[in-house]
């Protein structure tokens, strides 16, 4: 689960950089005209954080 969270967080980081570049240039979001930062980016980031927390050592039984 930790490997999946790392991959998802890397994808979210790339999407956040893309959103920041769009905001800096004043270009509207090409995905359905949604606002920036894109809700898809925020969902991917949230999924990565949740997977990271659930895969961490805090949720393991001893």
C-alpha atoms as a PDB file:
ATOM      1  CA  UNK A   1       0.000   0.000   0.000  1.00  0.00           C
ATOM      2  CA  UNK A   2       2.913   2.331   0.635  1.00  0.00           C
ATOM      3  CA  UNK A   3       4.199   1.862  -2.917  1.00  0.00           C
ATOM      4  CA  UNK A   4       0.776   2.736  -4.307  1.00  0.00           C
ATOM      5  CA  UNK A   5       0.614   5.840  -2.123  1.00  0.00           C
ATOM      6  CA  UNK A   6       4.045   6.954  -3.346  1.00  0.00           C
ATOM      7  CA  UNK A   7       2.973   6.568  -6.974  1.00  0.00           C
ATOM      8  CA  UNK A   8      -0.284   8.433  -6.380  1.00  0.00           C
ATOM      9  CA  UNK A   9       1.538  11.224  -4.521  1.00  0.00           C
ATOM     10  CA  UNK A  10       4.036  11.579  -7.383  1.00  0.00           C
ATOM     11  CA  UNK A  11       1.159  11.862  -9.862  1.00  0.00           C
ATOM     12  CA  UNK A  12      -0.519  14.428  -7.614  1.00  0.00           C
ATOM     13  CA  UNK A  13       2.718  16.412  -7.428  1.00  0.00           C
ATOM     14  CA  UNK A  14       2.989  16.516 -11.212  1.00  0.00           C
ATOM     15  CA  UNK A  15      -0.645  17.603 -11.489  1.00  0.00           C
ATOM     16  CA  UNK A  16      -0.090  20.325  -8.881  1.00  0.00           C
ATOM     17  CA  UNK A  17       2.912  21.656 -10.819  1.00  0.00           C
ATOM     18  CA  UNK A  18       0.805  21.638 -13.989  1.00  0.00           C
ATOM     19  CA  UNK A  19      -2.019  23.501 -12.194  1.00  0.00           C
ATOM     20  CA  UNK A  20       0.451  26.053 -10.809  1.00  0.00           C
ATOM     21  CA  UNK A  21       1.837  26.665 -14.295  1.00  0.00           C
ATOM     22  CA  UNK A  22      -1.675  27.182 -15.633  1.00  0.00           C
ATOM     23  CA  UNK A  23      -2.467  29.612 -12.802  1.00  0.00           C
ATOM     24  CA  UNK A  24       0.751  31.561 -13.372  1.00  0.00           C
ATOM     25  CA  UNK A  25       0.062  31.977 -17.088  1.00  0.00           C
ATOM     26  CA  UNK A  26      -3.626  32.756 -16.598  1.00  0.00           C
ATOM     27  CA  UNK A  27      -4.666  29.878 -18.837  1.00  0.00           C
ATOM     28  CA  UNK A  28      -8.047  28.307 -18.054  1.00  0.00           C
ATOM     29  CA  UNK A  29      -8.156  24.658 -17.076  1.00  0.00           C
ATOM     30  CA  UNK A  30      -8.402  22.455 -20.191  1.00  0.00           C
ATOM     31  CA  UNK A  31     -10.416  19.832 -18.262  1.00  0.00           C
ATOM     32  CA  UNK A  32     -14.083  20.817 -18.618  1.00  0.00           C
ATOM     33  CA  UNK A  33     -13.267  24.422 -17.663  1.00  0.00           C
ATOM     34  CA  UNK A  34     -13.056  23.483 -13.973  1.00  0.00           C
ATOM     35  CA  UNK A  35     -11.408  25.939 -11.576  1.00  0.00           C
ATOM     36  CA  UNK A  36      -7.741  25.774 -10.686  1.00  0.00           C
ATOM     37  CA  UNK A  37      -6.427  23.885  -8.784  1.00  0.00           C
ATOM     38  CA  UNK A  38      -8.399  21.152 -10.450  1.00  0.00           C
ATOM     39  CA  UNK A  39     -10.653  19.043  -8.204  1.00  0.00           C
ATOM     40  CA  UNK A  40      -9.186  15.905  -9.787  1.00  0.00           C
ATOM     41  CA  UNK A  41      -5.738  16.960  -8.543  1.00  0.00           C
ATOM     42  CA  UNK A  42      -7.043  17.488  -5.037  1.00  0.00           C
ATOM     43  CA  UNK A  43      -8.790  14.098  -5.019  1.00  0.00           C
ATOM     44  CA  UNK A  44      -5.623  12.329  -6.208  1.00  0.00           C
ATOM     45  CA  UNK A  45      -3.634  14.126  -3.497  1.00  0.00           C
ATOM     46  CA  UNK A  46      -6.172  13.143  -0.836  1.00  0.00           C
ATOM     47  CA  UNK A  47      -6.145   9.496  -1.950  1.00  0.00           C
ATOM     48  CA  UNK A  48      -2.347   9.451  -1.770  1.00  0.00           C
ATOM     49  CA  UNK A  49      -2.341  10.884   1.734  1.00  0.00           C
ATOM     50  CA  UNK A  50      -4.998   8.439   2.956  1.00  0.00           C
ATOM     51  CA  UNK A  51      -3.132   5.468   1.469  1.00  0.00           C
ATOM     52  CA  UNK A  52       0.067   6.689   3.087  1.00  0.00           C
ATOM     53  CA  UNK A  53      -1.583   6.961   6.490  1.00  0.00           C
ATOM     54  CA  UNK A  54      -3.304   3.582   6.232  1.00  0.00           C
ATOM     55  CA  UNK A  55      -0.131   1.882   5.020  1.00  0.00           C
ATOM     56  CA  UNK A  56       2.021   3.394   7.738  1.00  0.00           C
ATOM     57  CA  UNK A  57       3.076   1.764  10.947  1.00  0.00           C
ATOM     58  CA  UNK A  58       0.302   3.429  12.954  1.00  0.00           C
ATOM     59  CA  UNK A  59      -2.327   1.007  11.683  1.00  0.00           C
ATOM     60  CA  UNK A  60      -0.428  -2.247  12.102  1.00  0.00           C
ATOM     61  CA  UNK A  61      -1.329  -4.717  14.829  1.00  0.00           C
ATOM     62  CA  UNK A  62       1.344  -6.024  17.128  1.00  0.00           C
END
